[in-house]
Amino acid sequence: MITVTRLNGKPFSLNAIYIETVESFPDTTITLTNGKKYVVREAHEKVTADIESFYTRISLLGKVKVEEDDDGE
Protein backbone atom coordinates (compact mmCIF):
# COMPACT_ATOMS: atom_id res chain seq x y z
CA MET A 1 0.00 0.00 0.00
CA ILE A 2 1.07 3.58 -0.61
CA THR A 3 -0.29 6.57 1.28
CA VAL A 4 -1.36 9.66 -0.67
CA THR A 5 -3.35 12.79 0.17
CA ARG A 6 -6.60 13.96 -1.42
CA LEU A 7 -6.81 17.61 -2.45
CA ASN A 8 -8.97 18.25 0.65
CA GLY A 9 -6.05 17.17 2.87
CA LYS A 10 -7.30 13.72 3.88
CA PRO A 11 -4.71 10.95 3.56
CA PHE A 12 -5.67 7.50 2.29
CA SER A 13 -3.92 4.33 1.16
CA LEU A 14 -4.00 2.66 -2.23
CA ASN A 15 -2.89 -0.82 -3.16
CA ALA A 16 -0.13 0.03 -5.65
CA ILE A 17 -0.63 -3.26 -7.49
CA TYR A 18 -3.87 -1.86 -8.95
CA ILE A 19 -2.35 1.40 -10.22
CA GLU A 20 -2.38 1.53 -14.01
CA THR A 21 -1.21 5.10 -14.69
CA VAL A 22 0.08 8.15 -12.86
CA GLU A 23 -0.32 11.45 -14.75
CA SER A 24 0.10 15.15 -14.07
CA PHE A 25 -2.40 17.58 -15.59
CA PRO A 26 -1.01 19.63 -13.53
CA ASP A 27 -2.54 17.82 -10.51
CA THR A 28 -1.30 14.27 -10.05
CA THR A 29 -4.00 11.83 -11.14
CA ILE A 30 -3.78 8.12 -10.34
CA THR A 31 -5.86 5.73 -12.45
CA LEU A 32 -6.52 2.22 -11.18
CA THR A 33 -7.00 -0.87 -13.33
CA ASN A 34 -10.77 -0.68 -12.69
CA GLY A 35 -10.89 2.85 -14.18
CA LYS A 36 -11.34 4.71 -10.90
CA LYS A 37 -9.33 7.94 -10.71
CA TYR A 38 -7.86 9.76 -7.71
CA VAL A 39 -6.44 13.30 -7.77
CA VAL A 40 -3.77 13.69 -5.10
CA ARG A 41 -1.50 16.41 -3.66
CA GLU A 42 1.75 14.48 -4.03
CA ALA A 43 4.01 15.15 -7.00
CA HIS A 44 4.16 12.61 -9.82
CA GLU A 45 7.78 11.78 -8.92
CA LYS A 46 6.92 11.05 -5.27
CA VAL A 47 4.04 8.76 -6.22
CA THR A 48 6.17 6.78 -8.67
CA ALA A 49 9.00 6.54 -6.10
CA ASP A 50 6.51 5.26 -3.50
CA ILE A 51 5.20 2.67 -5.98
CA GLU A 52 8.73 1.48 -6.75
CA SER A 53 9.50 1.27 -3.02
CA PHE A 54 6.30 -0.74 -2.45
CA TYR A 55 7.17 -3.18 -5.25
CA THR A 56 10.65 -3.63 -3.79
CA ARG A 57 9.26 -4.26 -0.28
CA ILE A 58 6.97 -7.02 -1.53
CA SER A 59 9.72 -8.47 -3.77
CA LEU A 60 7.92 -7.71 -7.02
CA LEU A 61 10.79 -5.50 -8.10
CA GLY A 62 14.20 -6.77 -7.11
CA LYS A 63 17.37 -4.76 -6.93
CA VAL A 64 19.95 -5.75 -9.50
CA LYS A 65 23.26 -6.59 -7.87
CA VAL A 66 26.31 -6.48 -10.10
CA GLU A 67 29.06 -8.79 -8.88
CA GLU A 68 32.69 -7.86 -9.46
CA ASP A 69 35.21 -10.21 -10.97
CA ASP A 70 38.28 -11.27 -8.99
CA ASP A 71 40.32 -8.50 -10.63
CA GLY A 72 37.86 -5.78 -9.47
CA GLU A 73 36.05 -5.22 -12.77
PDB file of N, CA and C in Angstrom:
ATOM      1  N   MET A   1       0.846  -1.178   0.000  1.00  0.00           N
ATOM      2  CA  MET A   1       0.000   0.000   0.000  1.00  0.00           C
ATOM      3  C   MET A   1       0.889   1.238   0.000  1.00  0.00           C
ATOM      4  N   ILE A   2       0.416   2.288  -0.679  1.00  0.00           N
ATOM      5  CA  ILE A   2       1.075   3.582  -0.606  1.00  0.00           C
ATOM      6  C   ILE A   2       0.071   4.574  -0.021  1.00  0.00           C
ATOM      7  N   THR A   3       0.569   5.563   0.692  1.00  0.00           N
ATOM      8  CA  THR A   3      -0.292   6.573   1.280  1.00  0.00           C
ATOM      9  C   THR A   3      -0.157   7.859   0.481  1.00  0.00           C
ATOM     10  N   VAL A   4      -1.295   8.405   0.077  1.00  0.00           N
ATOM     11  CA  VAL A   4      -1.360   9.661  -0.669  1.00  0.00           C
ATOM     12  C   VAL A   4      -2.396  10.563  -0.010  1.00  0.00           C
ATOM     13  N   THR A   5      -2.461  11.813  -0.455  1.00  0.00           N
ATOM     14  CA  THR A   5      -3.346  12.790   0.167  1.00  0.00           C
ATOM     15  C   THR A   5      -4.306  13.367  -0.869  1.00  0.00           C
ATOM     16  N   ARG A   6      -5.598  13.335  -0.548  1.00  0.00           N
ATOM     17  CA  ARG A   6      -6.597  13.960  -1.422  1.00  0.00           C
ATOM     18  C   ARG A   6      -6.383  15.468  -1.430  1.00  0.00           C
ATOM     19  N   LEU A   7      -6.949  16.160  -2.383  1.00  0.00           N
ATOM     20  CA  LEU A   7      -6.806  17.611  -2.454  1.00  0.00           C
ATOM     21  C   LEU A   7      -7.397  18.307  -1.236  1.00  0.00           C
ATOM     22  N   ASN A   8      -8.376  17.662  -0.551  1.00  0.00           N
ATOM     23  CA  ASN A   8      -8.974  18.255   0.647  1.00  0.00           C
ATOM     24  C   ASN A   8      -8.128  18.029   1.900  1.00  0.00           C
ATOM     25  N   GLY A   9      -6.960  17.370   1.761  1.00  0.00           N
ATOM     26  CA  GLY A   9      -6.046  17.170   2.869  1.00  0.00           C
ATOM     27  C   GLY A   9      -6.173  15.841   3.594  1.00  0.00           C
ATOM     28  N   LYS A  10      -7.112  15.012   3.204  1.00  0.00           N
ATOM     29  CA  LYS A  10      -7.305  13.725   3.882  1.00  0.00           C
ATOM     30  C   LYS A  10      -6.422  12.648   3.257  1.00  0.00           C
ATOM     31  N   PRO A  11      -5.559  12.024   4.080  1.00  0.00           N
ATOM     32  CA  PRO A  11      -4.712  10.947   3.560  1.00  0.00           C
ATOM     33  C   PRO A  11      -5.500   9.642   3.408  1.00  0.00           C
ATOM     34  N   PHE A  12      -5.087   8.834   2.455  1.00  0.00           N
ATOM     35  CA  PHE A  12      -5.674   7.502   2.285  1.00  0.00           C
ATOM     36  C   PHE A  12      -4.631   6.592   1.648  1.00  0.00           C
ATOM     37  N   SER A  13      -4.871   5.306   1.703  1.00  0.00           N
ATOM     38  CA  SER A  13      -3.924   4.332   1.160  1.00  0.00           C
ATOM     39  C   SER A  13      -4.505   3.647  -0.062  1.00  0.00           C
ATOM     40  N   LEU A  14      -3.626   3.383  -1.019  1.00  0.00           N
ATOM     41  CA  LEU A  14      -3.998   2.664  -2.233  1.00  0.00           C
ATOM     42  C   LEU A  14      -3.110   1.435  -2.363  1.00  0.00           C
ATOM     43  N   ASN A  15      -3.681   0.356  -2.855  1.00  0.00           N
ATOM     44  CA  ASN A  15      -2.888  -0.821  -3.164  1.00  0.00           C
ATOM     45  C   ASN A  15      -2.206  -0.543  -4.503  1.00  0.00           C
ATOM     46  N   ALA A  16      -0.887  -0.367  -4.465  1.00  0.00           N
ATOM     47  CA  ALA A  16      -0.133   0.030  -5.654  1.00  0.00           C
ATOM     48  C   ALA A  16      -0.186  -1.004  -6.777  1.00  0.00           C
ATOM     49  N   ILE A  17      -0.538  -2.224  -6.455  1.00  0.00           N
ATOM     50  CA  ILE A  17      -0.634  -3.258  -7.490  1.00  0.00           C
ATOM     51  C   ILE A  17      -1.722  -2.909  -8.506  1.00  0.00           C
ATOM     52  N   TYR A  18      -2.746  -2.188  -8.071  1.00  0.00           N
ATOM     53  CA  TYR A  18      -3.869  -1.858  -8.946  1.00  0.00           C
ATOM     54  C   TYR A  18      -3.706  -0.529  -9.671  1.00  0.00           C
ATOM     55  N   ILE A  19      -2.564   0.126  -9.533  1.00  0.00           N
ATOM     56  CA  ILE A  19      -2.345   1.397 -10.224  1.00  0.00           C
ATOM     57  C   ILE A  19      -1.934   1.118 -11.661  1.00  0.00           C
ATOM     58  N   GLU A  20      -2.681   1.705 -12.588  1.00  0.00           N
ATOM     59  CA  GLU A  20      -2.380   1.526 -14.006  1.00  0.00           C
ATOM     60  C   GLU A  20      -1.552   2.682 -14.539  1.00  0.00           C
ATOM     61  N   THR A  21      -1.958   3.932 -14.217  1.00  0.00           N
ATOM     62  CA  THR A  21      -1.211   5.096 -14.687  1.00  0.00           C
ATOM     63  C   THR A  21      -1.134   6.165 -13.600  1.00  0.00           C
ATOM     64  N   VAL A  22      -0.083   6.969 -13.693  1.00  0.00           N
ATOM     65  CA  VAL A  22       0.076   8.155 -12.863  1.00  0.00           C
ATOM     66  C   VAL A  22       0.386   9.282 -13.831  1.00  0.00           C
ATOM     67  N   GLU A  23      -0.463  10.337 -13.813  1.00  0.00           N
ATOM     68  CA  GLU A  23      -0.316  11.447 -14.752  1.00  0.00           C
ATOM     69  C   GLU A  23      -0.374  12.775 -14.007  1.00  0.00           C
ATOM     70  N   SER A  24       0.177  13.800 -14.630  1.00  0.00           N
ATOM     71  CA  SER A  24       0.100  15.155 -14.074  1.00  0.00           C
ATOM     72  C   SER A  24      -0.581  16.052 -15.085  1.00  0.00           C
ATOM     73  N   PHE A  25      -1.679  16.712 -14.653  1.00  0.00           N
ATOM     74  CA  PHE A  25      -2.404  17.581 -15.586  1.00  0.00           C
ATOM     75  C   PHE A  25      -2.713  18.978 -15.094  1.00  0.00           C
ATOM     76  N   PRO A  26      -2.259  19.735 -14.275  1.00  0.00           N
ATOM     77  CA  PRO A  26      -1.012  19.627 -13.528  1.00  0.00           C
ATOM     78  C   PRO A  26      -1.152  18.856 -12.228  1.00  0.00           C
ATOM     79  N   ASP A  27      -2.394  18.623 -11.736  1.00  0.00           N
ATOM     80  CA  ASP A  27      -2.536  17.824 -10.511  1.00  0.00           C
ATOM     81  C   ASP A  27      -2.220  16.367 -10.830  1.00  0.00           C
ATOM     82  N   THR A  28      -1.654  15.676  -9.858  1.00  0.00           N
ATOM     83  CA  THR A  28      -1.305  14.271 -10.048  1.00  0.00           C
ATOM     84  C   THR A  28      -2.573  13.430  -9.983  1.00  0.00           C
ATOM     85  N   THR A  29      -2.823  12.676 -11.044  1.00  0.00           N
ATOM     86  CA  THR A  29      -4.002  11.827 -11.142  1.00  0.00           C
ATOM     87  C   THR A  29      -3.557  10.374 -11.249  1.00  0.00           C
ATOM     88  N   ILE A  30      -4.093   9.548 -10.347  1.00  0.00           N
ATOM     89  CA  ILE A  30      -3.780   8.122 -10.336  1.00  0.00           C
ATOM     90  C   ILE A  30      -4.996   7.381 -10.874  1.00  0.00           C
ATOM     91  N   THR A  31      -4.783   6.543 -11.880  1.00  0.00           N
ATOM     92  CA  THR A  31      -5.860   5.730 -12.446  1.00  0.00           C
ATOM     93  C   THR A  31      -5.602   4.274 -12.093  1.00  0.00           C
ATOM     94  N   LEU A  32      -6.629   3.627 -11.536  1.00  0.00           N
ATOM     95  CA  LEU A  32      -6.518   2.220 -11.184  1.00  0.00           C
ATOM     96  C   LEU A  32      -6.938   1.344 -12.354  1.00  0.00           C
ATOM     97  N   THR A  33      -6.660   0.065 -12.258  1.00  0.00           N
ATOM     98  CA  THR A  33      -6.995  -0.866 -13.335  1.00  0.00           C
ATOM     99  C   THR A  33      -8.501  -0.983 -13.554  1.00  0.00           C
ATOM    100  N   ASN A  34      -9.313  -0.631 -12.535  1.00  0.00           N
ATOM    101  CA  ASN A  34     -10.768  -0.682 -12.690  1.00  0.00           C
ATOM    102  C   ASN A  34     -11.333   0.622 -13.258  1.00  0.00           C
ATOM    103  N   GLY A  35     -10.467   1.594 -13.583  1.00  0.00           N
ATOM    104  CA  GLY A  35     -10.893   2.849 -14.182  1.00  0.00           C
ATOM    105  C   GLY A  35     -11.125   3.978 -13.195  1.00  0.00           C
ATOM    106  N   LYS A  36     -11.137   3.679 -11.916  1.00  0.00           N
ATOM    107  CA  LYS A  36     -11.341   4.707 -10.899  1.00  0.00           C
ATOM    108  C   LYS A  36     -10.130   5.627 -10.849  1.00  0.00           C
ATOM    109  N   LYS A  37     -10.396   6.949 -10.716  1.00  0.00           N
ATOM    110  CA  LYS A  37      -9.328   7.938 -10.707  1.00  0.00           C
ATOM    111  C   LYS A  37      -9.291   8.674  -9.380  1.00  0.00           C
ATOM    112  N   TYR A  38      -8.075   8.986  -8.936  1.00  0.00           N
ATOM    113  CA  TYR A  38      -7.858   9.756  -7.715  1.00  0.00           C
ATOM    114  C   TYR A  38      -6.926  10.915  -8.041  1.00  0.00           C
ATOM    115  N   VAL A  39      -7.303  12.124  -7.620  1.00  0.00           N
ATOM    116  CA  VAL A  39      -6.445  13.296  -7.768  1.00  0.00           C
ATOM    117  C   VAL A  39      -5.820  13.536  -6.405  1.00  0.00           C
ATOM    118  N   VAL A  40      -4.490  13.612  -6.370  1.00  0.00           N
ATOM    119  CA  VAL A  40      -3.770  13.693  -5.098  1.00  0.00           C
ATOM    120  C   VAL A  40      -2.818  14.886  -5.079  1.00  0.00           C
ATOM    121  N   ARG A  41      -2.409  15.273  -3.860  1.00  0.00           N
ATOM    122  CA  ARG A  41      -1.504  16.407  -3.665  1.00  0.00           C
ATOM    123  C   ARG A  41      -0.055  16.089  -4.004  1.00  0.00           C
ATOM    124  N   GLU A  42       0.351  14.851  -3.832  1.00  0.00           N
ATOM    125  CA  GLU A  42       1.752  14.479  -4.027  1.00  0.00           C
ATOM    126  C   GLU A  42       2.173  14.682  -5.483  1.00  0.00           C
ATOM    127  N   ALA A  43       3.446  14.999  -5.661  1.00  0.00           N
ATOM    128  CA  ALA A  43       4.005  15.148  -7.003  1.00  0.00           C
ATOM    129  C   ALA A  43       4.106  13.787  -7.691  1.00  0.00           C
ATOM    130  N   HIS A  44       4.050  13.820  -8.996  1.00  0.00           N
ATOM    131  CA  HIS A  44       4.160  12.610  -9.816  1.00  0.00           C
ATOM    132  C   HIS A  44       5.391  11.795  -9.428  1.00  0.00           C
ATOM    133  N   GLU A  45       6.525  12.458  -9.247  1.00  0.00           N
ATOM    134  CA  GLU A  45       7.779  11.778  -8.923  1.00  0.00           C
ATOM    135  C   GLU A  45       7.700  11.062  -7.577  1.00  0.00           C
ATOM    136  N   LYS A  46       7.054  11.674  -6.586  1.00  0.00           N
ATOM    137  CA  LYS A  46       6.924  11.048  -5.266  1.00  0.00           C
ATOM    138  C   LYS A  46       6.044   9.806  -5.349  1.00  0.00           C
ATOM    139  N   VAL A  47       4.942   9.905  -6.081  1.00  0.00           N
ATOM    140  CA  VAL A  47       4.037   8.759  -6.215  1.00  0.00           C
ATOM    141  C   VAL A  47       4.757   7.597  -6.898  1.00  0.00           C
ATOM    142  N   THR A  48       5.473   7.872  -7.976  1.00  0.00           N
ATOM    143  CA  THR A  48       6.170   6.783  -8.668  1.00  0.00           C
ATOM    144  C   THR A  48       7.290   6.203  -7.803  1.00  0.00           C
ATOM    145  N   ALA A  49       7.974   7.035  -7.018  1.00  0.00           N
ATOM    146  CA  ALA A  49       9.003   6.535  -6.102  1.00  0.00           C
ATOM    147  C   ALA A  49       8.376   5.649  -5.020  1.00  0.00           C
ATOM    148  N   ASP A  50       7.212   6.064  -4.508  1.00  0.00           N
ATOM    149  CA  ASP A  50       6.511   5.259  -3.503  1.00  0.00           C
ATOM    150  C   ASP A  50       6.062   3.914  -4.078  1.00  0.00           C
ATOM    151  N   ILE A  51       5.614   3.916  -5.324  1.00  0.00           N
ATOM    152  CA  ILE A  51       5.195   2.669  -5.980  1.00  0.00           C
ATOM    153  C   ILE A  51       6.395   1.743  -6.136  1.00  0.00           C
ATOM    154  N   GLU A  52       7.523   2.288  -6.591  1.00  0.00           N
ATOM    155  CA  GLU A  52       8.733   1.481  -6.751  1.00  0.00           C
ATOM    156  C   GLU A  52       9.192   0.912  -5.406  1.00  0.00           C
ATOM    157  N   SER A  53       9.127   1.726  -4.363  1.00  0.00           N
ATOM    158  CA  SER A  53       9.500   1.274  -3.022  1.00  0.00           C
ATOM    159  C   SER A  53       8.571   0.145  -2.554  1.00  0.00           C
ATOM    160  N   PHE A  54       7.273   0.302  -2.814  1.00  0.00           N
ATOM    161  CA  PHE A  54       6.297  -0.736  -2.450  1.00  0.00           C
ATOM    162  C   PHE A  54       6.609  -2.045  -3.168  1.00  0.00           C
ATOM    163  N   TYR A  55       6.852  -1.973  -4.483  1.00  0.00           N
ATOM    164  CA  TYR A  55       7.166  -3.178  -5.254  1.00  0.00           C
ATOM    165  C   TYR A  55       8.422  -3.858  -4.732  1.00  0.00           C
ATOM    166  N   THR A  56       9.419  -3.067  -4.334  1.00  0.00           N
ATOM    167  CA  THR A  56      10.650  -3.629  -3.788  1.00  0.00           C
ATOM    168  C   THR A  56      10.380  -4.321  -2.455  1.00  0.00           C
ATOM    169  N   ARG A  57       9.575  -3.679  -1.588  1.00  0.00           N
ATOM    170  CA  ARG A  57       9.257  -4.257  -0.280  1.00  0.00           C
ATOM    171  C   ARG A  57       8.568  -5.604  -0.392  1.00  0.00           C
ATOM    172  N   ILE A  58       7.702  -5.758  -1.390  1.00  0.00           N
ATOM    173  CA  ILE A  58       6.973  -7.019  -1.525  1.00  0.00           C
ATOM    174  C   ILE A  58       7.657  -7.976  -2.502  1.00  0.00           C
ATOM    175  N   SER A  59       8.877  -7.641  -2.886  1.00  0.00           N
ATOM    176  CA  SER A  59       9.722  -8.468  -3.768  1.00  0.00           C
ATOM    177  C   SER A  59       9.147  -8.660  -5.168  1.00  0.00           C
ATOM    178  N   LEU A  60       8.381  -7.689  -5.632  1.00  0.00           N
ATOM    179  CA  LEU A  60       7.917  -7.714  -7.019  1.00  0.00           C
ATOM    180  C   LEU A  60       8.951  -7.073  -7.929  1.00  0.00           C
ATOM    181  N   LEU A  61       9.753  -6.197  -7.349  1.00  0.00           N
ATOM    182  CA  LEU A  61      10.792  -5.504  -8.098  1.00  0.00           C
ATOM    183  C   LEU A  61      12.081  -5.666  -7.316  1.00  0.00           C
ATOM    184  N   GLY A  62      12.952  -6.518  -7.822  1.00  0.00           N
ATOM    185  CA  GLY A  62      14.204  -6.770  -7.107  1.00  0.00           C
ATOM    186  C   GLY A  62      15.257  -5.756  -7.480  1.00  0.00           C
ATOM    187  N   LYS A  63      16.237  -5.625  -6.632  1.00  0.00           N
ATOM    188  CA  LYS A  63      17.372  -4.765  -6.930  1.00  0.00           C
ATOM    189  C   LYS A  63      18.408  -5.600  -7.656  1.00  0.00           C
ATOM    190  N   VAL A  64      18.944  -5.045  -8.723  1.00  0.00           N
ATOM    191  CA  VAL A  64      19.950  -5.749  -9.504  1.00  0.00           C
ATOM    192  C   VAL A  64      21.291  -5.548  -8.823  1.00  0.00           C
ATOM    193  N   LYS A  65      21.957  -6.643  -8.516  1.00  0.00           N
ATOM    194  CA  LYS A  65      23.263  -6.588  -7.872  1.00  0.00           C
ATOM    195  C   LYS A  65      24.305  -7.037  -8.881  1.00  0.00           C
ATOM    196  N   VAL A  66      25.236  -6.158  -9.167  1.00  0.00           N
ATOM    197  CA  VAL A  66      26.310  -6.478 -10.096  1.00  0.00           C
ATOM    198  C   VAL A  66      27.488  -6.988  -9.277  1.00  0.00           C
ATOM    199  N   GLU A  67      27.931  -8.191  -9.600  1.00  0.00           N
ATOM    200  CA  GLU A  67      29.058  -8.786  -8.883  1.00  0.00           C
ATOM    201  C   GLU A  67      30.341  -8.478  -9.619  1.00  0.00           C
ATOM    202  N   GLU A  68      31.387  -8.168  -8.866  1.00  0.00           N
ATOM    203  CA  GLU A  68      32.691  -7.864  -9.457  1.00  0.00           C
ATOM    204  C   GLU A  68      33.459  -9.151  -9.708  1.00  0.00           C
ATOM    205  N   ASP A  69      34.304  -9.101 -10.730  1.00  0.00           N
ATOM    206  CA  ASP A  69      35.209 -10.213 -10.975  1.00  0.00           C
ATOM    207  C   ASP A  69      36.332 -10.180  -9.951  1.00  0.00           C
ATOM    208  N   ASP A  70      37.155 -11.204  -9.938  1.00  0.00           N
ATOM    209  CA  ASP A  70      38.277 -11.275  -8.995  1.00  0.00           C
ATOM    210  C   ASP A  70      39.264 -10.120  -9.168  1.00  0.00           C
ATOM    211  N   ASP A  71      39.358  -9.577 -10.390  1.00  0.00           N
ATOM    212  CA  ASP A  71      40.317  -8.496 -10.628  1.00  0.00           C
ATOM    213  C   ASP A  71      39.703  -7.113 -10.389  1.00  0.00           C
ATOM    214  N   GLY A  72      38.502  -7.046  -9.831  1.00  0.00           N
ATOM    215  CA  GLY A  72      37.861  -5.779  -9.471  1.00  0.00           C
ATOM    216  C   GLY A  72      37.053  -5.129 -10.566  1.00  0.00           C
ATOM    217  N   GLU A  73      36.846  -5.791 -11.672  1.00  0.00           N
ATOM    218  CA  GLU A  73      36.055  -5.220 -12.770  1.00  0.00           C
ATOM    219  C   GLU A  73      34.612  -5.647 -12.694  1.00  0.00           C
TER     220      GLU A  73
END
